[in-house]
Amino acid sequence: MRILFVTPYIPSLIRVRPYNLIRALAAIGYPVHLVALRPPEDRCAPIDDLRAACTRVDVFPLSRARTLWNALRALPAALPLQAAYSHHPQVERYLQDLAKTGQYAVVHVEHLRGAVLVDRVRGIPRVFDSVDSIAYLFEQTSRQAARLRQRLMARLDLARTRRFEARAPFQFDRTLVTSPADAHAFERMADTHLDGRLTILPNGVDLDYFHPADTPREPATVLFSGKMSYHANAAAALYLAREIMPRLWQRCAEARLLIVGKDPPPSVQELSPDPRIEVTGYVSDVRPFFARATVAIAPLLYGAGIQNKVLEAMACGVPVIATPQVCGALKTQAGRDILIGQDADQLTSAALDVINDPAYQNTIARAARQYVERYHRWGDIAHDLVNVYQCLSNPPIR
């Protein structure tokens, strides 16, 4: 039986969750038909790996004009702008027709942005992978984002997103999220327990692709990685550069900071003139930067779900120091697999402990790698996802 997998963007090493779920499902013998939109921001994303993994791949362009029209139509309506963004009548009709063929055991749709694409699908179980609770993220963004524009945009869409997520577990056959905090947010909005309707399916990490390097690490090198167009990452990068690094430089003048990730905003780019800070922008391969780093710091002040940047660093044997907001979605043991700092002083102190003690650095690095090997293998997560499909499909997937 085939899986119809729907995404509002091109799965990739940046869109890691659908990319790795598809590849892991294919690896354990489940045929996947991918239907994906190509929005303006994904115009250059490659699809060769997906074609190799899937039995069929259909990609439909989503133009900038269409996204703007979708947003204008949604402003006076009840649908969240995030969901309206991907409205695509041709794809919606196409998925409706595919569902009628009886070839598919389940349709799996990724993210709030993709939800509207399967509105017309009937006759087969529908799994909605919300990934994170976007309303929970908007609640935090509306209070804590660095820029007024970001806070206002979150407030604009917050009420409608809450209403959508409160209904989603009852409109889809199963809703997936990556962390207990996101599951709690869905139950809070629905005002009821969602046993049997909501499943926590964590993110994994590609342990073959991300692995410890054989080369020596650079001394006193701090890394922060992630998609910098995401406002929570940009706010964390600025906090790291403005609050933590000055404390670190007072006690370790040779320390350097690497900020690695796509589309840094001007506020982050303006850090570059400092010779102690390197802001890379987009890189085709982040692994050389993990290989250089002495320590990775993830000082996120707000956010949702599981931070892939943390899993990738741990898989590469980089000691990670993070705020409690980051660690809440993980099963890590503080002080063994990961180090936690409540504020800039604690984060700085932990960084100094790692930088100044190579043996301690190696101990944390080994434990971090062992942790992701135990809890975040994509193959194991794909088996858990198949169990969800099997509970819903009739007859069961074989």
Protein backbone atom coordinates (compact mmCIF):
# COMPACT_ATOMS: atom_id res chain seq x y z
CA MET A 1 0.00 0.00 0.00
CA ARG A 2 1.20 3.46 -0.86
CA ILE A 3 1.59 6.58 1.25
CA LEU A 4 0.50 9.90 -0.26
CA PHE A 5 2.85 12.47 1.31
CA VAL A 6 1.98 16.18 0.87
CA THR A 7 4.27 19.11 1.68
CA PRO A 8 3.86 22.89 1.18
CA TYR A 9 7.56 23.19 0.31
CA ILE A 10 10.38 21.06 -1.07
CA PRO A 11 11.72 18.64 1.57
CA SER A 12 15.47 19.16 1.88
CA LEU A 13 18.40 19.30 4.29
CA ILE A 14 16.82 22.56 5.49
CA ARG A 15 13.26 21.13 5.61
CA VAL A 16 14.72 18.13 7.41
CA ARG A 17 11.66 16.47 8.91
CA PRO A 18 9.73 15.53 5.75
CA TYR A 19 12.99 14.91 3.84
CA ASN A 20 14.20 12.33 6.34
CA LEU A 21 10.80 10.79 7.06
CA ILE A 22 10.30 10.14 3.34
CA ARG A 23 13.76 8.62 2.96
CA ALA A 24 13.35 6.50 6.12
CA LEU A 25 9.90 5.24 5.05
CA ALA A 26 11.31 4.27 1.66
CA ALA A 27 14.28 2.53 3.32
CA ILE A 28 12.00 0.25 5.34
CA GLY A 29 9.95 -0.66 2.27
CA TYR A 30 6.99 1.72 2.17
CA PRO A 31 6.32 3.30 -1.24
CA VAL A 32 5.82 7.07 -1.04
CA HIS A 33 4.18 9.34 -3.60
CA LEU A 34 5.25 12.92 -2.83
CA VAL A 35 3.15 15.89 -3.89
CA ALA A 36 4.98 19.12 -3.04
CA LEU A 37 4.59 22.81 -3.67
CA ARG A 38 7.58 24.86 -4.74
CA PRO A 39 7.02 28.29 -3.11
CA PRO A 40 9.12 31.29 -4.14
CA GLU A 41 11.65 30.77 -1.34
CA ASP A 42 12.30 27.17 -2.53
CA ARG A 43 12.85 27.95 -6.19
CA CYS A 44 16.37 26.44 -6.19
CA ALA A 45 15.78 23.48 -3.86
CA PRO A 46 16.96 20.21 -5.46
CA ILE A 47 14.66 17.19 -5.79
CA ASP A 48 16.94 14.45 -7.18
CA ASP A 49 17.28 12.73 -3.78
CA LEU A 50 13.50 12.74 -3.40
CA ARG A 51 12.97 11.20 -6.83
CA ALA A 52 15.40 8.44 -5.88
CA ALA A 53 13.50 7.72 -2.64
CA CYS A 54 9.91 8.04 -3.87
CA THR A 55 7.93 5.99 -6.34
CA ARG A 56 6.62 9.26 -7.75
CA VAL A 57 7.23 12.98 -7.17
CA ASP A 58 4.90 15.75 -8.35
CA VAL A 59 6.05 19.34 -7.83
CA PHE A 60 3.74 22.31 -8.41
CA PRO A 61 5.05 25.90 -8.48
CA LEU A 62 3.48 28.35 -6.05
CA SER A 63 4.09 31.84 -7.41
CA ARG A 64 4.67 34.99 -5.41
CA ALA A 65 1.54 36.48 -7.00
CA ARG A 66 -0.51 33.50 -5.78
CA THR A 67 0.82 33.76 -2.21
CA LEU A 68 0.02 37.48 -2.10
CA TRP A 69 -3.48 36.88 -3.46
CA ASN A 70 -4.00 34.08 -0.92
CA ALA A 71 -3.00 36.41 1.92
CA LEU A 72 -5.31 39.21 0.74
CA ARG A 73 -8.26 36.81 0.48
CA ALA A 74 -7.56 35.46 3.97
CA LEU A 75 -7.32 38.79 5.79
CA PRO A 76 -11.09 39.19 6.35
CA ALA A 77 -11.63 35.43 6.80
CA ALA A 78 -11.12 32.98 9.66
CA LEU A 79 -8.36 30.88 8.10
CA PRO A 80 -4.84 31.51 9.49
CA LEU A 81 -2.59 33.38 7.07
CA GLN A 82 -0.03 30.57 7.39
CA ALA A 83 -2.60 28.08 6.12
CA ALA A 84 -3.97 30.37 3.42
CA TYR A 85 -0.44 30.97 2.07
CA SER A 86 -0.42 27.61 0.26
CA HIS A 87 -3.94 27.58 -1.21
CA HIS A 88 -3.54 26.01 -4.67
CA PRO A 89 -6.79 24.92 -6.38
CA GLN A 90 -5.01 22.75 -8.96
CA VAL A 91 -3.17 20.75 -6.30
CA GLU A 92 -6.27 20.46 -4.12
CA ARG A 93 -8.26 18.98 -7.03
CA TYR A 94 -5.35 16.71 -7.95
CA LEU A 95 -5.11 15.29 -4.42
CA GLN A 96 -8.87 14.81 -4.31
CA ASP A 97 -8.67 12.77 -7.53
CA LEU A 98 -5.69 10.73 -6.29
CA ALA A 99 -7.56 9.81 -3.11
CA LYS A 100 -10.46 8.46 -5.19
CA THR A 101 -8.21 5.95 -6.97
CA GLY A 102 -7.98 3.71 -3.91
CA GLN A 103 -4.19 3.33 -4.31
CA TYR A 104 -3.27 4.93 -0.99
CA ALA A 105 -3.55 3.71 2.58
CA VAL A 106 -3.08 7.15 4.11
CA VAL A 107 -2.44 10.78 3.20
CA HIS A 108 0.20 12.53 5.33
CA VAL A 109 0.25 16.33 5.14
CA GLU A 110 3.05 18.44 6.62
CA HIS A 111 2.65 21.69 8.56
CA LEU A 112 -0.09 24.27 8.99
CA ARG A 113 0.88 25.65 5.59
CA GLY A 114 -0.03 22.35 3.95
CA ALA A 115 -3.28 21.63 5.76
CA VAL A 116 -5.59 23.30 3.24
CA LEU A 117 -4.18 21.20 0.41
CA VAL A 118 -6.00 18.09 1.65
CA ASP A 119 -9.33 19.74 2.50
CA ARG A 120 -11.04 17.88 -0.36
CA VAL A 121 -9.46 14.49 0.35
CA ARG A 122 -12.02 11.92 1.46
CA GLY A 123 -12.13 8.18 1.85
CA ILE A 124 -8.66 7.60 3.29
CA PRO A 125 -7.18 8.46 6.70
CA ARG A 126 -5.61 11.92 6.90
CA VAL A 127 -2.56 12.48 9.14
CA PHE A 128 -1.71 16.12 9.88
CA ASP A 129 1.90 16.62 10.92
CA SER A 130 1.69 20.00 12.57
CA VAL A 131 5.38 19.62 13.58
CA ASP A 132 5.05 22.43 16.16
CA SER A 133 2.11 24.30 17.62
CA ILE A 134 2.24 27.50 15.59
CA ALA A 135 -0.16 29.18 18.03
CA TYR A 136 2.19 28.36 20.91
CA LEU A 137 5.05 29.87 18.89
CA PHE A 138 2.97 32.97 18.08
CA GLU A 139 2.09 33.42 21.76
CA GLN A 140 5.79 33.65 22.57
CA THR A 141 6.66 35.71 19.50
CA SER A 142 3.98 38.29 20.28
CA ARG A 143 5.68 38.97 23.61
CA GLN A 144 9.36 38.28 23.05
CA ALA A 145 10.35 38.86 19.41
CA ALA A 146 13.06 41.48 19.00
CA ARG A 147 11.27 43.50 16.33
CA LEU A 148 7.90 45.24 16.64
CA ARG A 149 6.88 44.04 13.17
CA GLN A 150 7.36 40.41 14.21
CA ARG A 151 5.33 40.90 17.39
CA LEU A 152 2.51 42.57 15.46
CA MET A 153 2.41 39.87 12.76
CA ALA A 154 2.19 37.16 15.43
CA ARG A 155 -0.68 38.99 17.15
CA LEU A 156 -2.49 39.40 13.82
CA ASP A 157 -2.67 35.65 13.21
CA LEU A 158 -2.71 34.34 16.78
CA ALA A 159 -6.47 34.09 17.40
CA ARG A 160 -7.20 32.38 14.09
CA THR A 161 -4.30 29.96 14.54
CA ARG A 162 -5.56 29.04 18.01
CA ARG A 163 -9.01 28.30 16.59
CA PHE A 164 -7.53 26.21 13.77
CA GLU A 165 -5.31 24.16 16.08
CA ALA A 166 -8.15 23.65 18.56
CA ARG A 167 -10.18 22.01 15.77
CA ALA A 168 -7.39 20.17 13.93
CA PRO A 169 -7.31 17.01 16.10
CA PHE A 170 -11.02 16.53 15.39
CA GLN A 171 -10.82 17.31 11.66
CA PHE A 172 -7.90 14.98 10.94
CA ASP A 173 -7.65 11.32 11.85
CA ARG A 174 -4.38 11.94 13.70
CA THR A 175 -2.33 15.04 14.50
CA LEU A 176 1.43 14.83 15.07
CA VAL A 177 3.71 17.19 17.02
CA THR A 178 7.40 16.96 17.92
CA SER A 179 7.41 17.73 21.65
CA PRO A 180 5.40 17.45 24.89
CA ALA A 181 5.17 21.25 25.10
CA ASP A 182 3.48 21.40 21.71
CA ALA A 183 1.13 18.55 22.66
CA HIS A 184 0.19 20.43 25.83
CA ALA A 185 -0.50 23.56 23.78
CA PHE A 186 -2.91 21.63 21.51
CA GLU A 187 -4.74 20.18 24.51
CA ARG A 188 -4.94 23.60 26.16
CA MET A 189 -6.51 25.08 23.02
CA ALA A 190 -8.90 22.15 22.57
CA ASP A 191 -9.70 22.28 26.31
CA THR A 192 -9.67 18.49 26.52
CA HIS A 193 -7.33 15.51 26.56
CA LEU A 194 -6.52 14.35 23.04
CA ASP A 195 -5.62 10.73 23.70
CA GLY A 196 -5.90 8.80 20.44
CA ARG A 197 -6.05 11.98 18.40
CA LEU A 198 -2.60 13.46 19.05
CA THR A 199 0.80 11.72 18.85
CA ILE A 200 4.24 13.03 19.77
CA LEU A 201 6.67 12.06 17.00
CA PRO A 202 10.07 13.65 17.67
CA ASN A 203 12.56 14.77 15.09
CA GLY A 204 15.55 12.64 14.29
CA VAL A 205 19.01 13.29 12.93
CA ASP A 206 20.84 11.63 10.05
CA LEU A 207 23.56 9.85 12.00
CA ASP A 208 25.47 8.81 8.88
CA TYR A 209 25.57 12.35 7.52
CA PHE A 210 26.22 14.08 10.85
CA HIS A 211 29.07 12.40 12.69
CA PRO A 212 32.15 13.44 14.67
CA ALA A 213 35.01 14.71 12.51
CA ASP A 214 38.50 13.22 12.52
CA THR A 215 40.21 16.63 12.45
CA PRO A 216 41.18 18.63 15.57
CA ARG A 217 38.71 21.31 16.64
CA GLU A 218 39.67 24.96 16.64
CA PRO A 219 40.31 26.31 20.15
CA ALA A 220 37.75 28.57 21.88
CA THR A 221 35.34 28.55 18.91
CA VAL A 222 31.64 29.02 19.65
CA LEU A 223 29.03 28.00 17.08
CA PHE A 224 25.41 28.99 16.59
CA SER A 225 23.67 27.48 13.57
CA GLY A 226 20.18 27.52 12.08
CA LYS A 227 18.01 29.23 9.51
CA MET A 228 18.57 32.89 10.37
CA SER A 229 15.42 34.10 8.65
CA TYR A 230 13.54 32.47 11.55
CA HIS A 231 13.05 35.30 14.03
CA ALA A 232 13.71 33.17 17.13
CA ASN A 233 17.10 32.15 15.70
CA ALA A 234 17.97 35.74 14.83
CA ALA A 235 17.03 36.88 18.34
CA ALA A 236 19.17 34.10 19.84
CA ALA A 237 22.14 35.00 17.62
CA LEU A 238 21.96 38.63 18.73
CA TYR A 239 21.65 37.62 22.39
CA LEU A 240 24.70 35.38 22.01
CA ALA A 241 26.75 38.10 20.32
CA ARG A 242 25.69 40.99 22.55
CA GLU A 243 25.27 39.41 25.98
CA ILE A 244 27.21 36.15 26.17
CA MET A 245 30.28 36.72 24.01
CA PRO A 246 31.33 39.98 25.76
CA ARG A 247 31.32 38.06 29.06
CA LEU A 248 33.30 35.26 27.45
CA TRP A 249 35.84 37.66 25.91
CA GLN A 250 36.55 39.17 29.32
CA ARG A 251 37.91 35.78 30.44
CA CYS A 252 38.93 34.26 27.09
CA ALA A 253 40.08 37.00 24.74
CA GLU A 254 40.88 34.58 21.90
CA ALA A 255 37.31 33.22 21.67
CA ARG A 256 35.60 33.37 18.26
CA LEU A 257 31.93 33.18 17.27
CA LEU A 258 30.57 31.44 14.16
CA ILE A 259 26.98 32.29 13.16
CA VAL A 260 26.05 29.85 10.41
CA GLY A 261 22.75 29.80 8.56
CA LYS A 262 20.65 30.97 5.67
CA ASP A 263 19.30 34.52 5.24
CA PRO A 264 20.61 36.39 8.28
CA PRO A 265 18.71 39.68 8.73
CA PRO A 266 20.60 42.99 8.61
CA SER A 267 20.84 43.10 12.41
CA VAL A 268 22.83 39.84 12.37
CA GLN A 269 24.88 40.76 9.29
CA GLU A 270 25.97 43.95 11.07
CA LEU A 271 27.93 41.79 13.53
CA SER A 272 30.40 40.84 10.77
CA PRO A 273 32.80 43.82 11.02
CA ASP A 274 33.94 42.46 14.39
CA PRO A 275 36.93 40.26 13.42
CA ARG A 276 36.04 37.85 16.23
CA ILE A 277 32.64 37.09 14.65
CA GLU A 278 31.99 35.25 11.38
CA VAL A 279 28.49 35.43 9.86
CA THR A 280 28.37 33.01 6.94
CA GLY A 281 24.89 33.25 5.48
CA TYR A 282 23.86 30.20 3.44
CA VAL A 283 26.31 27.29 3.38
CA SER A 284 25.84 24.15 1.30
CA ASP A 285 27.27 21.96 4.06
CA VAL A 286 27.22 22.87 7.75
CA ARG A 287 29.37 19.93 8.84
CA PRO A 288 32.75 21.69 8.42
CA PHE A 289 31.57 24.30 10.92
CA PHE A 290 30.59 21.61 13.43
CA ALA A 291 34.06 20.16 12.90
CA ARG A 292 35.65 23.52 13.75
CA ALA A 293 33.56 24.29 16.83
CA THR A 294 34.73 23.77 20.40
CA VAL A 295 31.22 24.26 21.70
CA ALA A 296 27.74 25.01 20.30
CA ILE A 297 25.53 27.43 22.21
CA ALA A 298 21.78 27.50 21.59
CA PRO A 299 20.53 30.40 23.72
CA LEU A 300 16.97 30.51 22.38
CA LEU A 301 14.71 32.73 24.45
CA TYR A 302 11.52 31.34 22.88
CA GLY A 303 10.50 28.75 20.31
CA ALA A 304 8.59 25.53 19.75
CA GLY A 305 9.32 21.92 18.90
CA ILE A 306 12.73 20.25 18.75
CA GLN A 307 15.73 22.27 17.63
CA ASN A 308 17.42 20.40 14.79
CA LYS A 309 20.55 22.50 15.21
CA VAL A 310 21.02 20.94 18.65
CA LEU A 311 20.54 17.36 17.44
CA GLU A 312 22.97 17.92 14.56
CA ALA A 313 25.63 19.39 16.85
CA MET A 314 25.25 16.50 19.29
CA ALA A 315 25.50 13.98 16.46
CA CYS A 316 28.74 15.66 15.36
CA GLY A 317 30.16 15.30 18.86
CA VAL A 318 30.01 19.00 19.68
CA PRO A 319 29.23 19.82 23.33
CA VAL A 320 26.00 21.80 23.44
CA ILE A 321 25.02 24.49 25.93
CA ALA A 322 21.39 25.58 25.77
CA THR A 323 18.66 27.46 27.55
CA PRO A 324 15.90 25.46 29.32
CA GLN A 325 13.50 26.37 26.49
CA VAL A 326 15.59 24.24 24.13
CA CYS A 327 15.97 21.24 26.42
CA GLY A 328 12.31 20.84 27.34
CA ALA A 329 11.63 18.87 24.15
CA LEU A 330 14.52 16.45 24.74
CA LYS A 331 15.13 13.47 27.03
CA THR A 332 18.64 14.63 27.83
CA GLN A 333 20.21 14.54 31.27
CA ALA A 334 21.60 17.96 32.15
CA GLY A 335 25.31 17.88 32.89
CA ARG A 336 25.79 14.57 31.07
CA ASP A 337 24.42 14.89 27.51
CA ILE A 338 23.95 18.64 27.40
CA LEU A 339 24.71 21.69 29.56
CA ILE A 340 22.00 24.17 30.56
CA GLY A 341 22.27 27.86 31.38
CA GLN A 342 19.40 29.95 32.70
CA ASP A 343 20.96 33.30 31.78
CA ALA A 344 23.98 34.89 30.11
CA ASP A 345 26.22 34.39 33.15
CA GLN A 346 25.43 30.68 33.42
CA LEU A 347 25.79 30.13 29.68
CA THR A 348 29.16 31.88 29.71
CA SER A 349 30.38 29.89 32.71
CA ALA A 350 29.42 26.61 31.04
CA ALA A 351 31.19 27.64 27.84
CA LEU A 352 34.37 28.41 29.77
CA ASP A 353 34.22 25.02 31.51
CA VAL A 354 34.14 23.29 28.11
CA ILE A 355 36.76 25.51 26.46
CA ASN A 356 39.24 25.20 29.31
CA ASP A 357 38.95 21.44 29.89
CA PRO A 358 39.48 19.23 26.82
CA ALA A 359 38.78 16.05 28.81
CA TYR A 360 35.42 17.43 29.98
CA GLN A 361 34.72 18.53 26.42
CA ASN A 362 35.29 14.99 25.15
CA THR A 363 33.13 13.46 27.87
CA ILE A 364 30.15 15.68 27.00
CA ALA A 365 30.72 15.11 23.28
CA ARG A 366 30.64 11.31 23.64
CA ALA A 367 27.51 11.39 25.79
CA ALA A 368 25.80 13.72 23.30
CA ARG A 369 26.47 11.35 20.41
CA GLN A 370 25.23 8.37 22.43
CA TYR A 371 22.06 10.27 23.31
CA VAL A 372 21.06 10.97 19.70
CA GLU A 373 21.94 7.41 18.71
CA ARG A 374 19.51 6.16 21.34
CA TYR A 375 16.59 8.55 20.89
CA HIS A 376 16.76 10.24 17.48
CA ARG A 377 17.35 7.69 14.73
CA TRP A 378 15.15 8.47 11.74
CA GLY A 379 14.66 4.75 11.10
CA ASP A 380 13.15 4.24 14.56
CA ILE A 381 10.96 7.30 14.16
CA ALA A 382 9.74 6.07 10.76
CA HIS A 383 8.69 2.76 12.37
CA ASP A 384 6.72 4.73 14.97
CA LEU A 385 5.07 6.69 12.16
CA VAL A 386 4.12 3.46 10.38
CA ASN A 387 2.48 2.32 13.62
CA VAL A 388 0.33 5.46 13.48
CA TYR A 389 -0.61 4.71 9.87
CA GLN A 390 -1.44 1.09 10.72
CA CYS A 391 -3.78 2.16 13.52
CA LEU A 392 -5.74 4.26 11.05
CA SER A 393 -5.70 2.29 7.81
CA ASN A 394 -8.20 -0.40 6.93
CA PRO A 395 -6.93 -2.79 5.72
CA PRO A 396 -3.59 -2.33 7.50
CA ILE A 397 -0.54 -1.16 5.58
CA ARG A 398 1.60 -4.11 4.48
